[in-house]
């Protein structure tokens, strides 16, 4: 069995700020299940975005950074790249789930920032979460751990 996990949750410094969202709780749970193969994912890095980078939010369906620059093409390219990488695992039924970083314009499972860069959250999903769900992958929000 395999699960995809946002790389930042595993401690990789790929977050927009240059840091990570290392989840000791998640790592502890994964350590209890050595039979589970973890596939780290980060569509933002896969799309060619640097670390660190300006924060981005979804504005009217387009991913834009806080400087007003569209980074939508990079986000969508990263989603496509990660979906291509995961496709064999999804099609074979081996990919049981994905644990994704909360609120991210890529990985938000239940809610994302509203596009005003004020910290306000709205119901919705990030682009990668949407693609995974369309592919039939069960999604888990890291915040629910």
C-alpha atoms as a PDB file:
ATOM      1  CA  UNK A   1       0.000   0.000   0.000  1.00  0.00           C
ATOM      2  CA  UNK A   2       1.172   3.520  -0.819  1.00  0.00           C
ATOM      3  CA  UNK A   3       0.161   7.008   0.242  1.00  0.00           C
ATOM      4  CA  UNK A   4       1.134  10.352  -1.204  1.00  0.00           C
ATOM      5  CA  UNK A   5       2.142  12.941   1.395  1.00  0.00           C
ATOM      6  CA  UNK A   6       2.821  16.649   1.009  1.00  0.00           C
ATOM      7  CA  UNK A   7       6.610  16.825   1.193  1.00  0.00           C
ATOM      8  CA  UNK A   8       6.490  19.788   3.583  1.00  0.00           C
ATOM      9  CA  UNK A   9       4.706  17.565   6.133  1.00  0.00           C
ATOM     10  CA  UNK A  10       7.640  15.164   5.960  1.00  0.00           C
ATOM     11  CA  UNK A  11      10.049  17.977   6.830  1.00  0.00           C
ATOM     12  CA  UNK A  12      11.214  18.967   3.338  1.00  0.00           C
ATOM     13  CA  UNK A  13      11.904  22.689   3.084  1.00  0.00           C
ATOM     14  CA  UNK A  14       9.628  23.298   0.120  1.00  0.00           C
ATOM     15  CA  UNK A  15       7.074  25.616   1.737  1.00  0.00           C
ATOM     16  CA  UNK A  16       6.672  29.064   0.153  1.00  0.00           C
ATOM     17  CA  UNK A  17       8.523  30.623   3.128  1.00  0.00           C
ATOM     18  CA  UNK A  18      11.493  28.304   2.651  1.00  0.00           C
ATOM     19  CA  UNK A  19      10.592  26.194   5.671  1.00  0.00           C
ATOM     20  CA  UNK A  20       8.395  23.164   6.166  1.00  0.00           C
ATOM     21  CA  UNK A  21       5.282  21.978   7.984  1.00  0.00           C
ATOM     22  CA  UNK A  22       6.888  18.883   9.542  1.00  0.00           C
ATOM     23  CA  UNK A  23       4.194  16.904  11.316  1.00  0.00           C
ATOM     24  CA  UNK A  24       5.608  14.817  14.143  1.00  0.00           C
ATOM     25  CA  UNK A  25       2.177  13.267  14.628  1.00  0.00           C
ATOM     26  CA  UNK A  26       2.059  12.128  10.989  1.00  0.00           C
ATOM     27  CA  UNK A  27       5.641  10.855  11.086  1.00  0.00           C
ATOM     28  CA  UNK A  28       4.884   8.936  14.284  1.00  0.00           C
ATOM     29  CA  UNK A  29       1.814   7.305  12.706  1.00  0.00           C
ATOM     30  CA  UNK A  30       3.756   6.418   9.553  1.00  0.00           C
ATOM     31  CA  UNK A  31       6.533   4.858  11.643  1.00  0.00           C
ATOM     32  CA  UNK A  32       3.947   2.457  13.112  1.00  0.00           C
ATOM     33  CA  UNK A  33       3.171   1.163   9.597  1.00  0.00           C
ATOM     34  CA  UNK A  34       6.390   0.174   7.819  1.00  0.00           C
ATOM     35  CA  UNK A  35       4.302  -1.636   5.202  1.00  0.00           C
ATOM     36  CA  UNK A  36       3.087   1.726   3.863  1.00  0.00           C
ATOM     37  CA  UNK A  37       5.255   3.274   1.173  1.00  0.00           C
ATOM     38  CA  UNK A  38       5.229   7.071   1.343  1.00  0.00           C
ATOM     39  CA  UNK A  39       5.457   9.070  -1.888  1.00  0.00           C
ATOM     40  CA  UNK A  40       6.453  12.682  -1.138  1.00  0.00           C
ATOM     41  CA  UNK A  41       4.716  15.230  -3.386  1.00  0.00           C
ATOM     42  CA  UNK A  42       5.060  18.975  -3.927  1.00  0.00           C
ATOM     43  CA  UNK A  43       3.318  20.274  -7.030  1.00  0.00           C
ATOM     44  CA  UNK A  44       4.662  23.781  -6.502  1.00  0.00           C
ATOM     45  CA  UNK A  45       8.281  22.651  -6.713  1.00  0.00           C
ATOM     46  CA  UNK A  46       7.373  20.171  -9.481  1.00  0.00           C
ATOM     47  CA  UNK A  47       6.011  23.151 -11.424  1.00  0.00           C
ATOM     48  CA  UNK A  48       9.362  24.912 -11.253  1.00  0.00           C
ATOM     49  CA  UNK A  49       8.631  27.418  -8.497  1.00  0.00           C
ATOM     50  CA  UNK A  50      11.584  28.367  -6.282  1.00  0.00           C
ATOM     51  CA  UNK A  51      11.829  27.953  -2.530  1.00  0.00           C
ATOM     52  CA  UNK A  52      11.298  30.413  -0.980  1.00  0.00           C
ATOM     53  CA  UNK A  53       8.699  32.161  -3.138  1.00  0.00           C
ATOM     54  CA  UNK A  54       5.997  34.782  -2.592  1.00  0.00           C
ATOM     55  CA  UNK A  55       2.817  33.367  -1.072  1.00  0.00           C
ATOM     56  CA  UNK A  56       0.053  32.602  -3.545  1.00  0.00           C
ATOM     57  CA  UNK A  57      -3.707  32.237  -3.364  1.00  0.00           C
ATOM     58  CA  UNK A  58      -6.469  31.337  -5.778  1.00  0.00           C
ATOM     59  CA  UNK A  59      -8.141  34.473  -7.147  1.00  0.00           C
ATOM     60  CA  UNK A  60     -11.157  33.888  -9.412  1.00  0.00           C
ATOM     61  CA  UNK A  61      -9.841  30.449 -10.381  1.00  0.00           C
ATOM     62  CA  UNK A  62      -6.284  31.648 -11.083  1.00  0.00           C
ATOM     63  CA  UNK A  63      -3.295  31.226  -8.766  1.00  0.00           C
ATOM     64  CA  UNK A  64      -1.702  34.628  -8.161  1.00  0.00           C
ATOM     65  CA  UNK A  65       1.085  35.592  -5.771  1.00  0.00           C
ATOM     66  CA  UNK A  66       0.903  38.477  -3.325  1.00  0.00           C
ATOM     67  CA  UNK A  67       2.805  40.684  -5.806  1.00  0.00           C
ATOM     68  CA  UNK A  68      -0.095  40.332  -8.255  1.00  0.00           C
ATOM     69  CA  UNK A  69       1.839  38.017 -10.584  1.00  0.00           C
ATOM     70  CA  UNK A  70       0.055  35.000 -12.024  1.00  0.00           C
ATOM     71  CA  UNK A  71       1.788  31.731 -11.145  1.00  0.00           C
ATOM     72  CA  UNK A  72      -1.151  29.705 -12.422  1.00  0.00           C
ATOM     73  CA  UNK A  73       0.825  28.074 -15.248  1.00  0.00           C
ATOM     74  CA  UNK A  74       3.494  26.864 -12.816  1.00  0.00           C
ATOM     75  CA  UNK A  75       0.911  25.505 -10.376  1.00  0.00           C
ATOM     76  CA  UNK A  76      -0.976  23.685 -13.122  1.00  0.00           C
ATOM     77  CA  UNK A  77       2.261  22.313 -14.616  1.00  0.00           C
ATOM     78  CA  UNK A  78       3.228  21.008 -11.172  1.00  0.00           C
ATOM     79  CA  UNK A  79      -0.155  19.365 -10.687  1.00  0.00           C
ATOM     80  CA  UNK A  80       0.175  17.701 -14.096  1.00  0.00           C
ATOM     81  CA  UNK A  81       3.714  16.515 -13.320  1.00  0.00           C
ATOM     82  CA  UNK A  82       2.766  15.029  -9.956  1.00  0.00           C
ATOM     83  CA  UNK A  83      -0.371  13.400 -11.380  1.00  0.00           C
ATOM     84  CA  UNK A  84       1.708  11.828 -14.150  1.00  0.00           C
ATOM     85  CA  UNK A  85       4.146  10.517 -11.539  1.00  0.00           C
ATOM     86  CA  UNK A  86       1.295   9.102  -9.417  1.00  0.00           C
ATOM     87  CA  UNK A  87      -0.777   7.742 -12.320  1.00  0.00           C
ATOM     88  CA  UNK A  88       0.668   4.195 -12.277  1.00  0.00           C
ATOM     89  CA  UNK A  89       0.040   3.944  -8.519  1.00  0.00           C
ATOM     90  CA  UNK A  90      -3.522   5.265  -8.897  1.00  0.00           C
ATOM     91  CA  UNK A  91      -4.359   3.001 -11.835  1.00  0.00           C
ATOM     92  CA  UNK A  92      -2.989  -0.081 -10.081  1.00  0.00           C
ATOM     93  CA  UNK A  93      -5.031   0.702  -6.967  1.00  0.00           C
ATOM     94  CA  UNK A  94      -1.882   0.826  -4.848  1.00  0.00           C
ATOM     95  CA  UNK A  95      -2.330   4.475  -3.867  1.00  0.00           C
ATOM     96  CA  UNK A  96      -4.668   4.269  -0.898  1.00  0.00           C
ATOM     97  CA  UNK A  97      -4.776   7.970   0.000  1.00  0.00           C
ATOM     98  CA  UNK A  98      -3.057  11.330   0.018  1.00  0.00           C
ATOM     99  CA  UNK A  99      -2.271  13.358   3.146  1.00  0.00           C
ATOM    100  CA  UNK A 100      -2.102  16.995   2.102  1.00  0.00           C
ATOM    101  CA  UNK A 101      -1.148  20.299   3.701  1.00  0.00           C
ATOM    102  CA  UNK A 102      -4.128  22.335   4.846  1.00  0.00           C
ATOM    103  CA  UNK A 103      -5.230  25.554   3.153  1.00  0.00           C
ATOM    104  CA  UNK A 104      -2.625  25.436   0.359  1.00  0.00           C
ATOM    105  CA  UNK A 105      -3.606  26.632  -3.141  1.00  0.00           C
ATOM    106  CA  UNK A 106      -2.183  23.286  -4.290  1.00  0.00           C
ATOM    107  CA  UNK A 107      -3.069  20.906  -1.509  1.00  0.00           C
ATOM    108  CA  UNK A 108      -5.948  22.377   0.503  1.00  0.00           C
ATOM    109  CA  UNK A 109      -8.495  19.609   1.006  1.00  0.00           C
ATOM    110  CA  UNK A 110     -11.487  21.380   2.580  1.00  0.00           C
ATOM    111  CA  UNK A 111     -10.640  25.072   2.534  1.00  0.00           C
ATOM    112  CA  UNK A 112      -8.242  27.552   0.965  1.00  0.00           C
ATOM    113  CA  UNK A 113      -7.415  31.212   1.474  1.00  0.00           C
ATOM    114  CA  UNK A 114      -9.916  33.529  -0.202  1.00  0.00           C
ATOM    115  CA  UNK A 115      -7.522  35.347  -2.546  1.00  0.00           C
ATOM    116  CA  UNK A 116      -7.320  38.583  -0.567  1.00  0.00           C
ATOM    117  CA  UNK A 117      -4.096  37.712   1.301  1.00  0.00           C
ATOM    118  CA  UNK A 118      -5.806  38.599   4.576  1.00  0.00           C
ATOM    119  CA  UNK A 119      -5.785  35.110   6.094  1.00  0.00           C
ATOM    120  CA  UNK A 120      -9.514  34.590   5.496  1.00  0.00           C
ATOM    121  CA  UNK A 121     -10.468  31.007   4.654  1.00  0.00           C
ATOM    122  CA  UNK A 122     -13.262  29.813   2.395  1.00  0.00           C
ATOM    123  CA  UNK A 123     -14.559  26.345   1.518  1.00  0.00           C
ATOM    124  CA  UNK A 124     -12.704  24.902  -1.446  1.00  0.00           C
ATOM    125  CA  UNK A 125      -9.792  22.793  -2.618  1.00  0.00           C
ATOM    126  CA  UNK A 126      -6.345  23.420  -3.989  1.00  0.00           C
ATOM    127  CA  UNK A 127      -5.612  22.464  -7.597  1.00  0.00           C
ATOM    128  CA  UNK A 128      -3.698  19.281  -6.716  1.00  0.00           C
ATOM    129  CA  UNK A 129      -6.331  18.152  -4.221  1.00  0.00           C
ATOM    130  CA  UNK A 130      -9.004  18.595  -6.908  1.00  0.00           C
ATOM    131  CA  UNK A 131      -7.000  16.542  -9.407  1.00  0.00           C
ATOM    132  CA  UNK A 132      -6.394  13.744  -6.917  1.00  0.00           C
ATOM    133  CA  UNK A 133     -10.053  13.642  -5.956  1.00  0.00           C
ATOM    134  CA  UNK A 134     -11.090  13.496  -9.640  1.00  0.00           C
ATOM    135  CA  UNK A 135      -8.664  10.571  -9.927  1.00  0.00           C
ATOM    136  CA  UNK A 136     -10.485   8.739  -7.140  1.00  0.00           C
ATOM    137  CA  UNK A 137      -7.819   9.223  -4.463  1.00  0.00           C
ATOM    138  CA  UNK A 138      -9.042   9.469  -0.860  1.00  0.00           C
ATOM    139  CA  UNK A 139      -7.850  12.779   0.616  1.00  0.00           C
ATOM    140  CA  UNK A 140      -6.830  13.486   4.201  1.00  0.00           C
ATOM    141  CA  UNK A 141      -6.230  17.013   5.464  1.00  0.00           C
ATOM    142  CA  UNK A 142      -3.112  17.277   7.620  1.00  0.00           C
ATOM    143  CA  UNK A 143      -5.013  19.573   9.983  1.00  0.00           C
ATOM    144  CA  UNK A 144      -7.362  16.705  10.817  1.00  0.00           C
ATOM    145  CA  UNK A 145      -4.497  14.656  12.243  1.00  0.00           C
END
